[in-house]
Amino acid sequence: MVLLGFVLIGAGALVIVSAVFTAEMNGTTLEVVGLGVSPLGLFLLGVGAGLAILWGFGILKYGTKRTLRQRRESKRLEELSEKLEVADRERRRDNDDADQDRR
């Protein structure tokens, strides 16, 4: 998820930067990266790039929250597992002591 977010942000930023630095006006048409684009096409390209960046940030945020939640849950499960192992050892030790007292 995080990787997809970075890819969308990078793609949107690349489109915006390339449009800003390579746009040229030839009569009534625009040239962006050597391709003829209408003004409406340039507008839609900008909207698409903006949406890609916004979706990228949203996916990045969601992926980061999910990863952090999984790490917390894993850490909590490890702590509980350690407590269970300690309690199990103590129970075995108590059972062994009780068996030795009976003999």
C-alpha atoms as a PDB file:
ATOM      1  CA  MET A   1       0.000   0.000   0.000  1.00  0.00           C
ATOM      2  CA  VAL A   2       2.746   2.391   0.940  1.00  0.00           C
ATOM      3  CA  LEU A   3       4.617   1.634  -2.274  1.00  0.00           C
ATOM      4  CA  LEU A   4       1.489   2.258  -4.357  1.00  0.00           C
ATOM      5  CA  GLY A   5       1.028   5.598  -2.597  1.00  0.00           C
ATOM      6  CA  PHE A   6       4.581   6.635  -3.414  1.00  0.00           C
ATOM      7  CA  VAL A   7       4.154   5.558  -7.051  1.00  0.00           C
ATOM      8  CA  LEU A   8       0.973   7.630  -7.460  1.00  0.00           C
ATOM      9  CA  ILE A   9       2.559  10.676  -5.824  1.00  0.00           C
ATOM     10  CA  GLY A  10       5.654  10.353  -7.998  1.00  0.00           C
ATOM     11  CA  ALA A  11       3.654   9.900 -11.195  1.00  0.00           C
ATOM     12  CA  GLY A  12       1.440  12.901 -10.450  1.00  0.00           C
ATOM     13  CA  ALA A  13       4.419  15.066  -9.567  1.00  0.00           C
ATOM     14  CA  LEU A  14       6.263  13.958 -12.710  1.00  0.00           C
ATOM     15  CA  VAL A  15       3.309  14.914 -14.914  1.00  0.00           C
ATOM     16  CA  ILE A  16       2.999  18.333 -13.279  1.00  0.00           C
ATOM     17  CA  VAL A  17       6.718  19.095 -13.453  1.00  0.00           C
ATOM     18  CA  SER A  18       6.995  17.946 -17.069  1.00  0.00           C
ATOM     19  CA  ALA A  19       3.965  20.053 -18.041  1.00  0.00           C
ATOM     20  CA  VAL A  20       5.360  23.150 -16.333  1.00  0.00           C
ATOM     21  CA  PHE A  21       8.841  22.915 -17.825  1.00  0.00           C
ATOM     22  CA  THR A  22       8.089  21.591 -21.330  1.00  0.00           C
ATOM     23  CA  ALA A  23       4.826  23.330 -22.281  1.00  0.00           C
ATOM     24  CA  GLU A  24       5.099  25.487 -25.395  1.00  0.00           C
ATOM     25  CA  MET A  25       2.440  27.394 -27.299  1.00  0.00           C
ATOM     26  CA  ASN A  26       2.365  26.879 -31.084  1.00  0.00           C
ATOM     27  CA  GLY A  27      -0.456  28.936 -32.488  1.00  0.00           C
ATOM     28  CA  THR A  28      -3.640  27.474 -31.031  1.00  0.00           C
ATOM     29  CA  THR A  29      -2.184  24.203 -29.772  1.00  0.00           C
ATOM     30  CA  LEU A  30       0.005  23.416 -26.823  1.00  0.00           C
ATOM     31  CA  GLU A  31       2.968  21.109 -26.900  1.00  0.00           C
ATOM     32  CA  VAL A  32       3.776  19.182 -23.733  1.00  0.00           C
ATOM     33  CA  VAL A  33       6.785  16.844 -23.912  1.00  0.00           C
ATOM     34  CA  GLY A  34       6.631  17.148 -27.707  1.00  0.00           C
ATOM     35  CA  LEU A  35       2.975  16.059 -27.941  1.00  0.00           C
ATOM     36  CA  GLY A  36       0.194  18.323 -29.172  1.00  0.00           C
ATOM     37  CA  VAL A  37      -2.409  18.871 -26.459  1.00  0.00           C
ATOM     38  CA  SER A  38      -5.541  21.017 -26.452  1.00  0.00           C
ATOM     39  CA  PRO A  39      -6.113  23.423 -23.569  1.00  0.00           C
ATOM     40  CA  LEU A  40      -8.857  21.111 -22.281  1.00  0.00           C
ATOM     41  CA  GLY A  41      -6.451  18.182 -22.501  1.00  0.00           C
ATOM     42  CA  LEU A  42      -3.856  20.102 -20.500  1.00  0.00           C
ATOM     43  CA  PHE A  43      -6.487  20.943 -17.891  1.00  0.00           C
ATOM     44  CA  LEU A  44      -7.569  17.290 -17.637  1.00  0.00           C
ATOM     45  CA  LEU A  45      -3.924  16.240 -17.411  1.00  0.00           C
ATOM     46  CA  GLY A  46      -3.478  18.594 -14.452  1.00  0.00           C
ATOM     47  CA  VAL A  47      -6.666  17.360 -12.776  1.00  0.00           C
ATOM     48  CA  GLY A  48      -5.560  13.751 -13.245  1.00  0.00           C
ATOM     49  CA  ALA A  49      -2.134  14.512 -11.815  1.00  0.00           C
ATOM     50  CA  GLY A  50      -3.678  16.288  -8.838  1.00  0.00           C
ATOM     51  CA  LEU A  51      -6.031  13.388  -8.184  1.00  0.00           C
ATOM     52  CA  ALA A  52      -3.140  10.928  -8.432  1.00  0.00           C
ATOM     53  CA  ILE A  53      -1.232  12.906  -5.819  1.00  0.00           C
ATOM     54  CA  LEU A  54      -4.263  13.099  -3.506  1.00  0.00           C
ATOM     55  CA  TRP A  55      -5.006   9.379  -3.876  1.00  0.00           C
ATOM     56  CA  GLY A  56      -1.329   8.659  -3.311  1.00  0.00           C
ATOM     57  CA  PHE A  57      -1.356  10.565  -0.031  1.00  0.00           C
ATOM     58  CA  GLY A  58      -4.574   8.842   1.033  1.00  0.00           C
ATOM     59  CA  ILE A  59      -3.242   5.375   0.249  1.00  0.00           C
ATOM     60  CA  LEU A  60       0.075   6.213   1.924  1.00  0.00           C
ATOM     61  CA  LYS A  61      -1.736   7.372   5.058  1.00  0.00           C
ATOM     62  CA  TYR A  62      -3.942   4.271   5.146  1.00  0.00           C
ATOM     63  CA  GLY A  63      -1.002   1.940   4.562  1.00  0.00           C
ATOM     64  CA  THR A  64       1.068   3.596   7.280  1.00  0.00           C
ATOM     65  CA  LYS A  65      -1.759   3.364   9.815  1.00  0.00           C
ATOM     66  CA  ARG A  66      -2.311  -0.282   8.944  1.00  0.00           C
ATOM     67  CA  THR A  67       1.386  -1.107   9.280  1.00  0.00           C
ATOM     68  CA  LEU A  68       1.635   0.653  12.643  1.00  0.00           C
ATOM     69  CA  ARG A  69      -1.473  -1.145  13.915  1.00  0.00           C
ATOM     70  CA  GLN A  70      -0.043  -4.512  12.845  1.00  0.00           C
ATOM     71  CA  ARG A  71       3.268  -3.751  14.580  1.00  0.00           C
ATOM     72  CA  ARG A  72       1.478  -2.780  17.802  1.00  0.00           C
ATOM     73  CA  GLU A  73      -0.643  -5.916  17.664  1.00  0.00           C
ATOM     74  CA  SER A  74       2.409  -8.089  17.018  1.00  0.00           C
ATOM     75  CA  LYS A  75       4.274  -6.482  19.920  1.00  0.00           C
ATOM     76  CA  ARG A  76       1.290  -6.992  22.220  1.00  0.00           C
ATOM     77  CA  LEU A  77       0.995 -10.656  21.155  1.00  0.00           C
ATOM     78  CA  GLU A  78       4.709 -11.176  21.864  1.00  0.00           C
ATOM     79  CA  GLU A  79       4.300  -9.660  25.349  1.00  0.00           C
ATOM     80  CA  LEU A  80       1.302 -11.876  26.068  1.00  0.00           C
ATOM     81  CA  SER A  81       3.167 -14.926  24.777  1.00  0.00           C
ATOM     82  CA  GLU A  82       6.100 -14.181  27.072  1.00  0.00           C
ATOM     83  CA  LYS A  83       3.746 -13.795  30.059  1.00  0.00           C
ATOM     84  CA  LEU A  84       2.080 -17.087  29.179  1.00  0.00           C
ATOM     85  CA  GLU A  85       5.442 -18.853  28.967  1.00  0.00           C
ATOM     86  CA  VAL A  86       6.478 -17.497  32.388  1.00  0.00           C
ATOM     87  CA  ALA A  87       3.160 -18.560  33.922  1.00  0.00           C
ATOM     88  CA  ASP A  88       3.473 -22.010  32.316  1.00  0.00           C
ATOM     89  CA  ARG A  89       7.014 -22.447  33.691  1.00  0.00           C
ATOM     90  CA  GLU A  90       5.866 -21.423  37.169  1.00  0.00           C
ATOM     91  CA  ARG A  91       2.933 -23.837  37.001  1.00  0.00           C
ATOM     92  CA  ARG A  92       5.227 -26.694  35.963  1.00  0.00           C
ATOM     93  CA  ARG A  93       7.654 -25.828  38.733  1.00  0.00           C
ATOM     94  CA  ASP A  94       4.818 -25.790  41.281  1.00  0.00           C
ATOM     95  CA  ASN A  95       3.554 -29.150  39.980  1.00  0.00           C
ATOM     96  CA  ASP A  96       7.071 -30.625  40.156  1.00  0.00           C
ATOM     97  CA  ASP A  97       7.489 -29.322  43.736  1.00  0.00           C
ATOM     98  CA  ALA A  98       4.139 -30.814  44.714  1.00  0.00           C
ATOM     99  CA  ASP A  99       5.127 -34.173  43.172  1.00  0.00           C
ATOM    100  CA  GLN A 100       8.401 -34.181  45.072  1.00  0.00           C
ATOM    101  CA  ASP A 101       6.617 -33.367  48.366  1.00  0.00           C
ATOM    102  CA  ARG A 102       4.288 -36.339  47.910  1.00  0.00           C
ATOM    103  CA  ARG A 103       7.203 -38.733  47.614  1.00  0.00           C
END
